[in-house]
Protein backbone atom coordinates (compact mmCIF):
# COMPACT_ATOMS: atom_id res chain seq x y z
CA MET A 1 0.00 0.00 0.00
CA ASP A 2 1.35 3.44 -0.89
CA VAL A 3 1.71 6.34 1.52
CA ASP A 4 -1.52 8.02 0.42
CA GLY A 5 -3.42 4.78 0.92
CA THR A 6 -2.00 4.38 4.42
CA LYS A 7 -3.00 7.94 5.31
CA GLU A 8 -6.52 7.32 4.01
CA VAL A 9 -6.95 4.17 6.12
CA HIS A 10 -5.63 5.98 9.18
CA LEU A 11 -8.01 8.90 8.55
CA GLN A 12 -10.94 6.50 8.25
CA GLU A 13 -10.03 4.90 11.58
CA GLU A 14 -9.81 8.31 13.25
CA ILE A 15 -13.25 9.26 11.93
CA ILE A 16 -14.77 5.94 13.07
CA MET A 17 -13.13 6.31 16.48
CA ASP A 18 -14.44 9.85 16.86
CA ILE A 19 -17.98 8.74 16.02
CA LEU A 20 -17.86 5.70 18.33
CA SER A 21 -16.46 7.73 21.21
CA ARG A 22 -19.75 9.67 21.32
CA LEU A 23 -21.88 6.57 21.87
CA PRO A 24 -23.13 5.11 25.17
CA VAL A 25 -21.36 2.09 26.64
CA LEU A 26 -24.23 -0.29 25.90
CA SER A 27 -24.00 0.48 22.18
CA LEU A 28 -20.23 0.05 22.19
CA LEU A 29 -20.52 -3.37 23.81
CA ARG A 30 -22.83 -4.43 20.99
CA PHE A 31 -20.64 -2.90 18.28
CA LYS A 32 -17.67 -4.98 19.43
CA CYS A 33 -19.38 -7.82 17.58
CA VAL A 34 -19.51 -5.96 14.26
CA SER A 35 -15.98 -6.89 13.20
CA LYS A 36 -12.53 -7.76 14.51
CA CYS A 37 -11.42 -4.28 13.51
CA TRP A 38 -14.09 -2.61 15.65
CA MET A 39 -13.42 -5.02 18.51
CA THR A 40 -9.74 -4.05 18.48
CA LEU A 41 -10.47 -0.35 18.13
CA ILE A 42 -13.03 -0.21 20.97
CA SER A 43 -10.71 -2.24 23.23
CA GLU A 44 -7.72 0.07 22.78
CA PRO A 45 -6.66 2.09 25.88
CA TYR A 46 -6.51 5.23 23.71
CA PHE A 47 -10.17 4.81 22.76
CA THR A 48 -11.18 4.11 26.39
CA LEU A 49 -9.55 7.37 27.48
CA LYS A 50 -11.05 9.32 24.57
CA HIS A 51 -14.53 7.96 25.37
CA LEU A 52 -14.12 8.76 29.10
CA ASN A 53 -12.99 12.34 28.51
CA ARG A 54 -15.92 12.95 26.18
CA ALA A 55 -18.37 11.33 28.62
CA LYS A 56 -17.19 13.57 31.47
CA ASN A 57 -18.32 16.59 29.46
CA ASN A 58 -21.60 15.02 28.37
CA LYS A 59 -24.47 15.42 30.82
CA HIS A 60 -26.27 12.46 29.21
CA SER A 61 -23.39 10.18 30.26
CA GLN A 62 -24.04 10.88 33.94
CA LYS A 63 -26.14 8.17 35.60
CA ILE A 64 -27.53 7.61 39.09
CA LEU A 65 -26.50 4.32 40.69
CA PRO A 66 -28.86 3.43 43.57
CA GLU A 67 -27.66 1.59 46.63
CA ASP A 68 -30.49 -0.89 46.34
CA VAL A 69 -29.86 -4.63 46.03
CA ARG A 70 -33.01 -5.13 43.97
CA LYS A 71 -32.03 -2.51 41.39
CA LEU A 72 -28.41 -3.44 40.81
CA ASP A 73 -27.24 -5.64 37.95
CA TRP A 74 -24.77 -7.74 39.93
CA PRO A 75 -21.83 -9.40 38.19
CA SER A 76 -22.81 -12.85 39.50
CA ASN A 77 -25.63 -14.75 41.14
CA PRO A 78 -26.90 -15.21 43.77
CA ARG A 79 -26.89 -11.59 44.86
CA PRO A 80 -25.28 -10.67 48.20
CA TRP A 81 -27.56 -9.85 51.07
CA ARG A 82 -25.37 -7.17 52.57
CA PHE A 83 -23.21 -4.63 50.82
CA ARG A 84 -22.15 -1.01 50.91
CA MET A 85 -21.06 1.37 48.18
CA TYR A 86 -18.22 3.64 49.19
CA CYS A 87 -17.38 5.81 46.22
CA CYS A 88 -17.33 6.20 42.43
CA TYR A 89 -14.68 7.60 40.12
CA ASP A 90 -14.31 7.42 36.32
CA GLY A 91 -17.24 5.01 36.13
CA LEU A 92 -15.70 2.61 38.67
CA VAL A 93 -17.45 1.76 41.94
CA LEU A 94 -15.86 0.56 45.17
CA ILE A 95 -18.15 -1.82 47.07
CA LYS A 96 -17.85 -3.93 50.21
CA LEU A 97 -19.74 -7.20 49.97
CA ARG A 98 -20.72 -9.74 52.59
CA ASP A 99 -22.24 -13.18 52.12
CA TYR A 100 -20.83 -13.26 48.60
CA PRO A 101 -20.48 -16.62 46.80
CA GLN A 102 -17.14 -18.41 47.34
CA TYR A 103 -15.94 -15.91 49.95
CA ALA A 104 -16.17 -16.58 53.69
CA ARG A 105 -15.37 -13.01 54.73
CA ALA A 106 -16.20 -9.52 53.55
CA ILE A 107 -14.48 -8.48 50.34
CA LEU A 108 -13.85 -5.28 48.42
CA LEU A 109 -14.98 -5.27 44.82
CA LEU A 110 -14.09 -2.78 42.09
CA TRP A 111 -16.96 -2.77 39.64
CA ASN A 112 -17.90 -1.04 36.41
CA PRO A 113 -21.73 -0.96 36.39
CA SER A 114 -21.79 0.05 32.71
CA THR A 115 -19.87 -2.98 31.43
CA ARG A 116 -20.64 -5.26 34.43
CA GLU A 117 -16.97 -6.14 34.71
CA SER A 118 -15.55 -6.47 38.21
CA THR A 119 -12.51 -7.64 40.11
CA VAL A 120 -11.96 -8.63 43.73
CA LEU A 121 -9.37 -6.40 45.39
CA PRO A 122 -6.53 -7.68 47.61
CA ARG A 123 -7.22 -8.18 51.30
CA THR A 124 -6.39 -5.31 53.61
CA GLU A 125 -4.38 -5.76 56.79
CA PHE A 126 -7.16 -4.22 58.86
CA SER A 127 -10.43 -6.13 59.18
CA LEU A 128 -13.41 -5.11 57.04
CA THR A 129 -15.88 -5.98 59.80
CA LYS A 130 -16.00 -2.30 60.82
CA ASP A 131 -16.61 0.65 58.53
CA TYR A 132 -13.93 2.92 57.20
CA SER A 133 -13.78 5.98 55.02
CA PHE A 134 -12.65 5.16 51.49
CA GLY A 135 -11.59 7.26 48.55
CA LEU A 136 -10.92 6.28 44.94
CA GLY A 137 -8.90 8.43 42.55
CA TYR A 138 -6.51 8.51 39.61
CA ASP A 139 -2.81 9.37 39.95
CA SER A 140 -1.69 10.93 36.67
CA THR A 141 1.96 10.82 37.76
CA SER A 142 2.06 7.01 37.90
CA ASP A 143 -0.89 6.43 35.54
CA ASP A 144 -2.58 4.34 38.21
CA TYR A 145 -5.81 4.26 40.19
CA LYS A 146 -5.39 4.36 43.96
CA ILE A 147 -7.66 3.68 46.93
CA LEU A 148 -7.18 5.26 50.35
CA LYS A 149 -8.68 3.63 53.45
CA ILE A 150 -8.72 5.45 56.77
CA ASP A 151 -10.37 4.67 60.11
CA ASP A 152 -11.35 6.65 63.20
CA ALA A 153 -8.04 5.74 64.88
CA ALA A 154 -6.17 7.54 62.07
CA ARG A 155 -4.79 4.29 60.62
CA CYS A 156 -4.30 4.61 56.86
CA GLU A 157 -3.70 2.14 54.07
CA ILE A 158 -3.31 2.86 50.38
CA LEU A 159 -3.71 0.51 47.43
CA ALA A 160 -2.12 1.27 44.07
CA LEU A 161 -3.96 -1.11 41.75
CA LYS A 162 -0.85 -1.83 39.68
CA SER A 163 1.06 -2.94 42.80
CA GLY A 164 -1.65 -5.38 43.86
CA SER A 165 -1.12 -4.89 47.61
CA TRP A 166 -2.10 -2.52 50.40
CA ARG A 167 0.54 -0.45 52.15
CA LYS A 168 0.41 1.32 55.51
CA ILE A 169 0.94 5.07 55.64
CA ASP A 170 2.77 6.14 58.79
CA LYS A 171 3.30 9.81 58.01
CA LEU A 172 0.02 11.04 59.46
CA PRO A 173 0.49 14.40 61.26
CA ALA A 174 0.31 14.25 65.03
CA GLY A 175 -3.11 14.94 66.47
CA VAL A 176 -5.02 14.26 63.26
CA PHE A 177 -8.14 12.14 63.70
CA PRO A 178 -10.36 11.90 60.64
CA VAL A 179 -14.09 12.32 61.04
CA LEU A 180 -16.14 9.35 59.88
CA SER A 181 -19.23 11.42 59.18
CA ASP A 182 -22.67 10.22 60.20
CA THR A 183 -23.65 10.92 56.61
CA GLU A 184 -21.29 8.10 55.51
CA ASP A 185 -19.89 10.16 52.65
CA SER A 186 -16.70 9.13 50.88
CA LEU A 187 -13.37 10.97 50.83
CA ALA A 188 -13.59 13.76 48.27
CA PHE A 189 -11.06 13.43 45.44
CA VAL A 190 -10.14 16.74 43.79
CA HIS A 191 -6.92 17.92 42.07
CA GLY A 192 -5.05 14.68 42.74
CA ALA A 193 -5.78 14.67 46.48
CA PHE A 194 -8.26 13.20 48.94
CA HIS A 195 -9.97 15.53 51.40
CA TRP A 196 -11.76 15.06 54.70
CA LEU A 197 -12.69 16.85 57.91
CA ASP A 198 -10.83 16.38 61.16
CA SER A 199 -12.29 16.48 64.66
CA SER A 200 -9.17 18.14 66.10
CA LEU A 201 -9.38 21.08 63.71
CA GLU A 202 -11.96 23.88 63.70
CA LYS A 203 -10.96 26.09 60.77
CA THR A 204 -9.26 23.76 58.25
CA LEU A 205 -9.76 20.48 56.41
CA ILE A 206 -7.16 17.83 55.60
CA SER A 207 -5.82 17.02 52.13
CA PHE A 208 -3.67 14.06 51.08
CA SER A 209 -1.88 13.98 47.73
CA ILE A 210 -1.86 10.50 46.20
CA SER A 211 1.19 11.13 44.02
CA ASN A 212 3.70 12.20 46.69
CA GLU A 213 1.66 11.18 49.78
CA VAL A 214 1.97 14.59 51.43
CA TYR A 215 -0.63 15.91 53.87
CA GLY A 216 -1.85 19.48 53.84
CA GLU A 217 -4.49 21.77 55.32
CA ILE A 218 -7.01 23.97 53.53
CA PRO A 219 -8.75 26.82 55.38
CA LEU A 220 -12.52 26.44 55.63
CA PRO A 221 -14.73 29.24 54.28
CA GLU A 222 -15.54 32.17 56.50
CA GLY A 223 -18.70 31.46 58.43
CA MET A 224 -18.12 27.71 58.66
CA SER A 225 -16.77 26.39 61.92
CA LEU A 226 -16.56 22.69 62.70
CA VAL A 227 -18.85 21.68 65.54
CA PHE A 228 -19.45 17.98 66.09
CA ASN A 229 -22.71 17.14 67.83
CA MET A 230 -26.19 15.80 67.06
CA ASN A 231 -27.40 19.22 65.91
CA CYS A 232 -24.63 19.88 63.41
CA ILE A 233 -23.40 17.75 60.52
CA ASN A 234 -20.51 18.77 58.27
CA GLY A 235 -18.99 17.15 55.21
CA VAL A 236 -16.71 17.43 52.19
CA SER A 237 -17.71 16.61 48.63
CA ALA A 238 -16.75 17.23 44.98
CA LEU A 239 -18.97 18.89 42.37
CA GLU A 240 -17.86 19.37 38.76
CA GLY A 241 -14.27 18.66 39.79
CA MET A 242 -14.33 21.37 42.48
CA LEU A 243 -13.97 20.95 46.22
CA CYS A 244 -17.10 21.60 48.30
CA VAL A 245 -17.90 21.75 52.01
CA TYR A 246 -21.36 21.72 53.52
CA SER A 247 -23.05 21.92 56.89
CA THR A 248 -26.48 21.25 58.34
CA HIS A 249 -27.48 23.01 61.57
CA ILE A 250 -30.66 22.01 63.39
CA ARG A 251 -32.53 24.44 65.59
CA ARG A 252 -36.10 23.96 66.83
CA GLY A 253 -36.75 21.30 64.21
CA ILE A 254 -35.59 23.46 61.29
CA HIS A 255 -32.60 22.29 59.24
CA THR A 256 -30.39 24.98 57.71
CA PHE A 257 -28.20 23.60 54.94
CA LYS A 258 -25.26 25.61 53.57
CA LEU A 259 -23.01 24.69 50.65
CA TRP A 260 -19.68 26.32 49.72
CA ILE A 261 -17.55 25.63 46.63
CA LEU A 262 -13.82 26.35 46.15
CA LYS A 263 -13.69 28.14 42.81
CA ASP A 264 -9.90 28.11 42.43
CA TYR A 265 -8.09 25.22 44.13
CA ASP A 266 -4.75 27.05 44.00
CA PHE A 267 -6.29 30.08 45.71
CA LYS A 268 -7.47 28.71 49.04
CA GLU A 269 -9.44 31.87 49.87
CA SER A 270 -11.70 31.53 46.81
CA TRP A 271 -14.60 29.90 48.68
CA ASN A 272 -18.01 30.92 47.42
CA ARG A 273 -21.27 30.12 49.19
CA LEU A 274 -23.45 28.48 46.57
CA PHE A 275 -26.70 28.65 48.53
CA THR A 276 -28.44 28.35 51.90
CA ILE A 277 -31.75 26.50 52.18
CA GLN A 278 -34.03 25.54 55.04
CA GLY A 279 -36.39 22.62 55.58
CA THR A 280 -37.39 19.87 57.98
CA ASP A 281 -35.41 16.99 56.42
CA LEU A 282 -32.14 18.42 55.14
CA TYR A 283 -29.57 15.97 56.48
CA SER A 284 -28.11 16.31 53.01
CA ILE A 285 -25.14 15.35 50.89
CA PRO A 286 -24.55 17.16 47.58
CA LYS A 287 -24.24 14.59 44.79
CA TYR A 288 -24.31 16.43 41.46
CA LYS A 289 -24.44 19.94 40.00
CA PHE A 290 -26.75 20.52 37.04
CA SER A 291 -25.94 22.87 34.16
CA ASP A 292 -28.46 25.43 35.46
CA GLY A 293 -26.70 25.61 38.82
CA GLU A 294 -29.11 23.43 40.77
CA VAL A 295 -27.61 20.73 42.97
CA LEU A 296 -28.88 17.19 43.48
CA LEU A 297 -29.08 16.48 47.20
CA ARG A 298 -29.39 13.14 48.93
CA CYS A 299 -31.55 13.68 52.02
CA ARG A 300 -32.44 11.36 54.86
CA ASP A 301 -36.03 10.13 54.94
CA LEU A 302 -37.72 8.11 57.68
CA GLU A 303 -39.87 6.15 55.21
CA CYS A 304 -37.51 5.60 52.26
CA GLY A 305 -34.13 5.73 53.99
CA SER A 306 -32.98 8.41 51.58
CA VAL A 307 -34.53 10.60 48.91
CA PHE A 308 -33.03 12.75 46.17
CA LYS A 309 -34.12 16.35 45.80
CA ALA A 310 -33.05 19.39 43.79
CA SER A 311 -31.76 22.33 45.80
CA LYS A 312 -34.55 24.62 44.52
CA GLU A 313 -37.38 22.13 44.90
CA SER A 314 -39.02 20.87 48.08
CA SER A 315 -40.56 17.75 46.53
CA ARG A 316 -38.56 14.58 46.00
CA LEU A 317 -37.23 13.63 42.59
CA TRP A 318 -36.61 9.98 43.40
CA PRO A 319 -37.76 7.54 44.64
CA GLN A 320 -41.36 8.48 44.03
CA SER A 321 -42.77 5.79 46.32
CA VAL A 322 -41.97 4.41 49.77
CA SER A 323 -42.11 0.96 48.15
CA GLU A 324 -38.71 1.77 46.57
CA PRO A 325 -36.51 2.25 49.66
CA ILE A 326 -32.86 3.21 49.08
CA GLN A 327 -30.01 3.97 51.46
CA ASP A 328 -27.76 5.94 49.16
CA GLY A 329 -26.87 6.55 45.55
CA PHE A 330 -24.04 7.89 43.43
CA VAL A 331 -23.85 9.86 40.23
CA TYR A 332 -21.29 8.20 37.98
CA THR A 333 -19.90 8.64 34.47
CA GLU A 334 -20.34 5.85 31.96
CA SER A 335 -16.96 4.42 30.99
CA MET A 336 -15.33 1.49 29.22
CA ILE A 337 -12.58 1.10 31.82
CA SER A 338 -12.02 -2.56 32.69
CA PRO A 339 -11.39 -3.18 36.42
CA ARG A 340 -9.73 -6.49 35.52
CA LEU A 341 -7.07 -4.73 33.48
CA LEU A 342 -6.30 -2.30 36.31
CA ALA A 343 -5.67 -4.75 39.16
């Protein structure tokens, strides 16, 4: 084949790849069967990354994953009776399972709900019988996904998926005791670092870089002071790749929910209060920010366990009926990333 012919074939492949990268995962899984050429193209790491980057900027690629055994499409049968979702990142979900086939003890599973692929993660040194705070993120320096596990005694372990083993982190600053929030939120991953609140600090939150494993502190916004009691709940989250902090104060049965967002991560004084709302059931966690500025909140509910509401609406968006109880849910991005190829 001459040079012009080679360029033409390459151009055709680029055009096909660009078109396919705009499609949902379900369509791509079907199109793998079209030809060996398409199978190879769709399976390439370059295409997976291209599809992921496009999906992150496509609102239609954002899905809600409910923490509801009956709703989930589990990777094997029978389904586990007990489980907990910890966090989502790049379309991957970290789950703890109990009573799972072939395993006598609790296990951690990394799962892609879009492709249904999953892999069992290595055992941690610390028992999984108690709950921890987990965070999942991507380290661009080492081109690896990493998981941080931290308990209320400030014991930390980190798993780099390429290494295949957990490793203790002993460089925790003196006096730091992470808050395992009553809201059971995950560690917020923003700008290559995990973030959480600390019960020994009143005006700052803790950051932990996953590339160089260095701890830091970020000042909290003016007007937010950490108080830990039954009438005040605080948390850290991520919305549109930006760091957020939130608080719920309860007085005389009225919940006041405040949400701040850090506009510029490199300028730690760039906190901006997004909104303040009041209600009677606003034990809330911000889950997603819509294009019009509204925020999807997960609120506690005595009948359903949890309900999802928009920040400007008082009525629930989902579930619509108490016959569909859920405990939590995550907004995730559809992706073609294979957990089996990461671990």
